[in-house]
């Protein structure tokens, strides 16, 4: 891919066009992504707390 090219995006599928199985799979994928985001948030909060304790000792 060239530097000035944008990635080709697939058009979003309408939920109404998806089967029950596809919807269930999508829900599981989204739940996995949410869990990963929650872990990343927890790590960032822990890092921030450690930095605050190191720099703002009372």
PDB file of N, CA and C in Angstrom:
ATOM      1  N   UNK A   1       0.848  -1.169   0.000  1.00  0.00           N
ATOM      2  CA  UNK A   1       0.000   0.000   0.000  1.00  0.00           C
ATOM      3  C   UNK A   1       0.895   1.234   0.000  1.00  0.00           C
ATOM      4  N   UNK A   2       0.570   2.192  -0.799  1.00  0.00           N
ATOM      5  CA  UNK A   2       1.314   3.439  -0.873  1.00  0.00           C
ATOM      6  C   UNK A   2       0.951   4.333   0.295  1.00  0.00           C
ATOM      7  N   UNK A   3       1.857   5.199   0.664  1.00  0.00           N
ATOM      8  CA  UNK A   3       1.660   6.074   1.824  1.00  0.00           C
ATOM      9  C   UNK A   3       0.448   6.979   1.668  1.00  0.00           C
ATOM     10  N   UNK A   4       0.138   7.384   0.440  1.00  0.00           N
ATOM     11  CA  UNK A   4      -0.978   8.307   0.246  1.00  0.00           C
ATOM     12  C   UNK A   4      -2.308   7.597   0.008  1.00  0.00           C
ATOM     13  N   UNK A   5      -2.298   6.271   0.020  1.00  0.00           N
ATOM     14  CA  UNK A   5      -3.531   5.514  -0.180  1.00  0.00           C
ATOM     15  C   UNK A   5      -4.216   5.248   1.150  1.00  0.00           C
ATOM     16  N   UNK A   6      -5.524   5.318   1.144  1.00  0.00           N
ATOM     17  CA  UNK A   6      -6.288   4.986   2.339  1.00  0.00           C
ATOM     18  C   UNK A   6      -6.725   3.529   2.239  1.00  0.00           C
ATOM     19  N   UNK A   7      -6.801   2.836   3.378  1.00  0.00           N
ATOM     20  CA  UNK A   7      -7.251   1.445   3.314  1.00  0.00           C
ATOM     21  C   UNK A   7      -8.700   1.374   2.818  1.00  0.00           C
ATOM     22  N   UNK A   8      -8.964   0.325   2.080  1.00  0.00           N
ATOM     23  CA  UNK A   8     -10.319   0.123   1.564  1.00  0.00           C
ATOM     24  C   UNK A   8     -11.178  -0.422   2.692  1.00  0.00           C
ATOM     25  N   UNK A   9     -12.290   0.238   2.950  1.00  0.00           N
ATOM     26  CA  UNK A   9     -13.175  -0.196   4.023  1.00  0.00           C
ATOM     27  C   UNK A   9     -14.364  -0.935   3.431  1.00  0.00           C
ATOM     28  N   UNK A  10     -14.704  -2.064   4.081  1.00  0.00           N
ATOM     29  CA  UNK A  10     -15.891  -2.790   3.657  1.00  0.00           C
ATOM     30  C   UNK A  10     -17.111  -2.043   4.174  1.00  0.00           C
ATOM     31  N   UNK A  11     -18.163  -1.975   3.378  1.00  0.00           N
ATOM     32  CA  UNK A  11     -19.368  -1.315   3.889  1.00  0.00           C
ATOM     33  C   UNK A  11     -19.939  -2.116   5.064  1.00  0.00           C
ATOM     34  N   UNK A  12     -20.430  -1.414   6.055  1.00  0.00           N
ATOM     35  CA  UNK A  12     -20.993  -2.078   7.231  1.00  0.00           C
ATOM     36  C   UNK A  12     -22.259  -2.832   6.840  1.00  0.00           C
ATOM     37  N   UNK A  13     -22.393  -4.012   7.407  1.00  0.00           N
ATOM     38  CA  UNK A  13     -23.611  -4.793   7.143  1.00  0.00           C
ATOM     39  C   UNK A  13     -24.691  -4.344   8.097  1.00  0.00           C
ATOM     40  N   UNK A  14     -25.889  -4.322   7.592  1.00  0.00           N
ATOM     41  CA  UNK A  14     -27.023  -3.997   8.443  1.00  0.00           C
ATOM     42  C   UNK A  14     -27.328  -5.181   9.341  1.00  0.00           C
ATOM     43  N   UNK A  15     -27.655  -4.901  10.574  1.00  0.00           N
ATOM     44  CA  UNK A  15     -27.978  -5.976  11.506  1.00  0.00           C
ATOM     45  C   UNK A  15     -29.159  -6.797  11.003  1.00  0.00           C
ATOM     46  N   UNK A  16     -30.081  -6.138  10.346  1.00  0.00           N
ATOM     47  CA  UNK A  16     -31.270  -6.838   9.833  1.00  0.00           C
ATOM     48  C   UNK A  16     -30.920  -7.868   8.766  1.00  0.00           C
ATOM     49  N   UNK A  17     -29.772  -7.687   8.114  1.00  0.00           N
ATOM     50  CA  UNK A  17     -29.360  -8.605   7.052  1.00  0.00           C
ATOM     51  C   UNK A  17     -28.542  -9.787   7.574  1.00  0.00           C
ATOM     52  N   UNK A  18     -28.219  -9.780   8.865  1.00  0.00           N
ATOM     53  CA  UNK A  18     -27.388 -10.836   9.438  1.00  0.00           C
ATOM     54  C   UNK A  18     -28.249 -11.939  10.033  1.00  0.00           C
ATOM     55  N   UNK A  19     -27.731 -13.170   9.970  1.00  0.00           N
ATOM     56  CA  UNK A  19     -28.439 -14.308  10.562  1.00  0.00           C
ATOM     57  C   UNK A  19     -28.270 -14.283  12.080  1.00  0.00           C
ATOM     58  N   UNK A  20     -29.056 -15.090  12.762  1.00  0.00           N
ATOM     59  CA  UNK A  20     -28.948 -15.191  14.216  1.00  0.00           C
ATOM     60  C   UNK A  20     -27.551 -15.652  14.604  1.00  0.00           C
ATOM     61  N   UNK A  21     -27.012 -16.598  13.868  1.00  0.00           N
ATOM     62  CA  UNK A  21     -25.673 -17.102  14.144  1.00  0.00           C
ATOM     63  C   UNK A  21     -24.629 -15.997  13.951  1.00  0.00           C
ATOM     64  N   UNK A  22     -24.751 -15.242  12.882  1.00  0.00           N
ATOM     65  CA  UNK A  22     -23.815 -14.143  12.630  1.00  0.00           C
ATOM     66  C   UNK A  22     -23.918 -13.083  13.726  1.00  0.00           C
ATOM     67  N   UNK A  23     -25.128 -12.789  14.163  1.00  0.00           N
ATOM     68  CA  UNK A  23     -25.325 -11.813  15.230  1.00  0.00           C
ATOM     69  C   UNK A  23     -24.706 -12.311  16.537  1.00  0.00           C
ATOM     70  N   UNK A  24     -24.898 -13.589  16.833  1.00  0.00           N
ATOM     71  CA  UNK A  24     -24.309 -14.167  18.042  1.00  0.00           C
ATOM     72  C   UNK A  24     -22.793 -14.116  17.989  1.00  0.00           C
ATOM     73  N   UNK A  25     -22.226 -14.446  16.833  1.00  0.00           N
ATOM     74  CA  UNK A  25     -20.770 -14.372  16.664  1.00  0.00           C
ATOM     75  C   UNK A  25     -20.273 -12.940  16.829  1.00  0.00           C
ATOM     76  N   UNK A  26     -21.018 -12.005  16.284  1.00  0.00           N
ATOM     77  CA  UNK A  26     -20.628 -10.600  16.395  1.00  0.00           C
ATOM     78  C   UNK A  26     -20.657 -10.142  17.850  1.00  0.00           C
ATOM     79  N   UNK A  27     -21.673 -10.559  18.588  1.00  0.00           N
ATOM     80  CA  UNK A  27     -21.774 -10.213  20.009  1.00  0.00           C
ATOM     81  C   UNK A  27     -20.560 -10.743  20.760  1.00  0.00           C
ATOM     82  N   UNK A  28     -20.175 -11.991  20.513  1.00  0.00           N
ATOM     83  CA  UNK A  28     -19.013 -12.574  21.195  1.00  0.00           C
ATOM     84  C   UNK A  28     -17.733 -11.822  20.846  1.00  0.00           C
ATOM     85  N   UNK A  29     -17.583 -11.451  19.578  1.00  0.00           N
ATOM     86  CA  UNK A  29     -16.412 -10.682  19.157  1.00  0.00           C
ATOM     87  C   UNK A  29     -16.384  -9.334  19.874  1.00  0.00           C
ATOM     88  N   UNK A  30     -17.518  -8.667  19.941  1.00  0.00           N
ATOM     89  CA  UNK A  30     -17.583  -7.370  20.613  1.00  0.00           C
ATOM     90  C   UNK A  30     -17.308  -7.507  22.111  1.00  0.00           C
ATOM     91  N   UNK A  31     -17.814  -8.577  22.734  1.00  0.00           N
ATOM     92  CA  UNK A  31     -17.546  -8.806  24.160  1.00  0.00           C
ATOM     93  C   UNK A  31     -16.048  -9.005  24.391  1.00  0.00           C
ATOM     94  N   UNK A  32     -15.392  -9.752  23.478  1.00  0.00           N
ATOM     95  CA  UNK A  32     -13.949  -9.949  23.589  1.00  0.00           C
ATOM     96  C   UNK A  32     -13.213  -8.617  23.473  1.00  0.00           C
ATOM     97  N   UNK A  33     -13.648  -7.776  22.549  1.00  0.00           N
ATOM     98  CA  UNK A  33     -13.018  -6.471  22.385  1.00  0.00           C
ATOM     99  C   UNK A  33     -13.240  -5.598  23.617  1.00  0.00           C
ATOM    100  N   UNK A  34     -14.413  -5.676  24.209  1.00  0.00           N
ATOM    101  CA  UNK A  34     -14.702  -4.923  25.430  1.00  0.00           C
ATOM    102  C   UNK A  34     -13.783  -5.385  26.551  1.00  0.00           C
ATOM    103  N   UNK A  35     -13.608  -6.702  26.697  1.00  0.00           N
ATOM    104  CA  UNK A  35     -12.714  -7.226  27.734  1.00  0.00           C
ATOM    105  C   UNK A  35     -11.288  -6.721  27.537  1.00  0.00           C
ATOM    106  N   UNK A  36     -10.816  -6.716  26.298  1.00  0.00           N
ATOM    107  CA  UNK A  36      -9.474  -6.218  26.014  1.00  0.00           C
ATOM    108  C   UNK A  36      -9.353  -4.733  26.366  1.00  0.00           C
ATOM    109  N   UNK A  37     -10.390  -3.968  26.077  1.00  0.00           N
ATOM    110  CA  UNK A  37     -10.390  -2.539  26.419  1.00  0.00           C
ATOM    111  C   UNK A  37     -10.379  -2.358  27.930  1.00  0.00           C
ATOM    112  N   UNK A  38     -11.138  -3.167  28.649  1.00  0.00           N
ATOM    113  CA  UNK A  38     -11.167  -3.066  30.110  1.00  0.00           C
ATOM    114  C   UNK A  38      -9.802  -3.387  30.713  1.00  0.00           C
ATOM    115  N   UNK A  39      -9.113  -4.380  30.159  1.00  0.00           N
ATOM    116  CA  UNK A  39      -7.771  -4.726  30.629  1.00  0.00           C
ATOM    117  C   UNK A  39      -6.814  -3.564  30.353  1.00  0.00           C
ATOM    118  N   UNK A  40      -6.912  -2.975  29.170  1.00  0.00           N
ATOM    119  CA  UNK A  40      -6.042  -1.850  28.833  1.00  0.00           C
ATOM    120  C   UNK A  40      -6.301  -0.666  29.759  1.00  0.00           C
ATOM    121  N   UNK A  41      -7.558  -0.404  30.068  1.00  0.00           N
ATOM    122  CA  UNK A  41      -7.902   0.676  30.987  1.00  0.00           C
ATOM    123  C   UNK A  41      -7.315   0.399  32.366  1.00  0.00           C
ATOM    124  N   UNK A  42      -7.459  -0.817  32.846  1.00  0.00           N
ATOM    125  CA  UNK A  42      -6.936  -1.170  34.172  1.00  0.00           C
ATOM    126  C   UNK A  42      -5.422  -0.977  34.224  1.00  0.00           C
ATOM    127  N   UNK A  43      -4.728  -1.381  33.164  1.00  0.00           N
ATOM    128  CA  UNK A  43      -3.275  -1.205  33.116  1.00  0.00           C
ATOM    129  C   UNK A  43      -2.901   0.276  33.132  1.00  0.00           C
ATOM    130  N   UNK A  44      -3.615   1.065  32.354  1.00  0.00           N
ATOM    131  CA  UNK A  44      -3.319   2.496  32.292  1.00  0.00           C
ATOM    132  C   UNK A  44      -3.607   3.172  33.630  1.00  0.00           C
ATOM    133  N   UNK A  45      -4.693   2.759  34.288  1.00  0.00           N
ATOM    134  CA  UNK A  45      -5.011   3.336  35.596  1.00  0.00           C
ATOM    135  C   UNK A  45      -3.934   2.969  36.617  1.00  0.00           C
ATOM    136  N   UNK A  46      -3.465   1.731  36.580  1.00  0.00           N
ATOM    137  CA  UNK A  46      -2.420   1.296  37.501  1.00  0.00           C
ATOM    138  C   UNK A  46      -1.131   2.075  37.241  1.00  0.00           C
ATOM    139  N   UNK A  47      -0.803   2.282  35.987  1.00  0.00           N
ATOM    140  CA  UNK A  47       0.387   3.035  35.629  1.00  0.00           C
ATOM    141  C   UNK A  47       0.271   4.482  36.094  1.00  0.00           C
ATOM    142  N   UNK A  48      -0.898   5.071  35.905  1.00  0.00           N
ATOM    143  CA  UNK A  48      -1.106   6.454  36.332  1.00  0.00           C
ATOM    144  C   UNK A  48      -1.013   6.576  37.847  1.00  0.00           C
ATOM    145  N   UNK A  49      -1.604   5.619  38.564  1.00  0.00           N
ATOM    146  CA  UNK A  49      -1.538   5.643  40.032  1.00  0.00           C
ATOM    147  C   UNK A  49      -0.094   5.528  40.506  1.00  0.00           C
ATOM    148  N   UNK A  50       0.679   4.659  39.873  1.00  0.00           N
ATOM    149  CA  UNK A  50       2.083   4.495  40.246  1.00  0.00           C
ATOM    150  C   UNK A  50       2.853   5.789  39.995  1.00  0.00           C
ATOM    151  N   UNK A  51       2.575   6.441  38.873  1.00  0.00           N
ATOM    152  CA  UNK A  51       3.253   7.701  38.569  1.00  0.00           C
ATOM    153  C   UNK A  51       2.849   8.782  39.565  1.00  0.00           C
ATOM    154  N   UNK A  52       1.572   8.841  39.900  1.00  0.00           N
ATOM    155  CA  UNK A  52       1.106   9.836  40.864  1.00  0.00           C
ATOM    156  C   UNK A  52       1.764   9.615  42.224  1.00  0.00           C
ATOM    157  N   UNK A  53       1.903   8.380  42.626  1.00  0.00           N
ATOM    158  CA  UNK A  53       2.527   8.090  43.924  1.00  0.00           C
ATOM    159  C   UNK A  53       4.007   8.444  43.897  1.00  0.00           C
ATOM    160  N   UNK A  54       4.645   8.240  42.762  1.00  0.00           N
ATOM    161  CA  UNK A  54       6.070   8.541  42.665  1.00  0.00           C
ATOM    162  C   UNK A  54       6.343  10.036  42.643  1.00  0.00           C
ATOM    163  N   UNK A  55       5.471  10.797  41.974  1.00  0.00           N
ATOM    164  CA  UNK A  55       5.727  12.220  41.785  1.00  0.00           C
ATOM    165  C   UNK A  55       5.012  13.122  42.782  1.00  0.00           C
ATOM    166  N   UNK A  56       3.951  12.637  43.373  1.00  0.00           N
ATOM    167  CA  UNK A  56       3.154  13.474  44.267  1.00  0.00           C
ATOM    168  C   UNK A  56       3.082  12.884  45.664  1.00  0.00           C
ATOM    169  N   UNK A  57       4.233  12.492  46.174  1.00  0.00           N
ATOM    170  CA  UNK A  57       4.268  11.954  47.534  1.00  0.00           C
ATOM    171  C   UNK A  57       3.930  13.065  48.510  1.00  0.00           C
ATOM    172  N   UNK A  58       3.140  12.731  49.520  1.00  0.00           N
ATOM    173  CA  UNK A  58       2.785  13.759  50.498  1.00  0.00           C
ATOM    174  C   UNK A  58       3.560  13.630  51.764  1.00  0.00           C
TER     175      UNK A  58
END
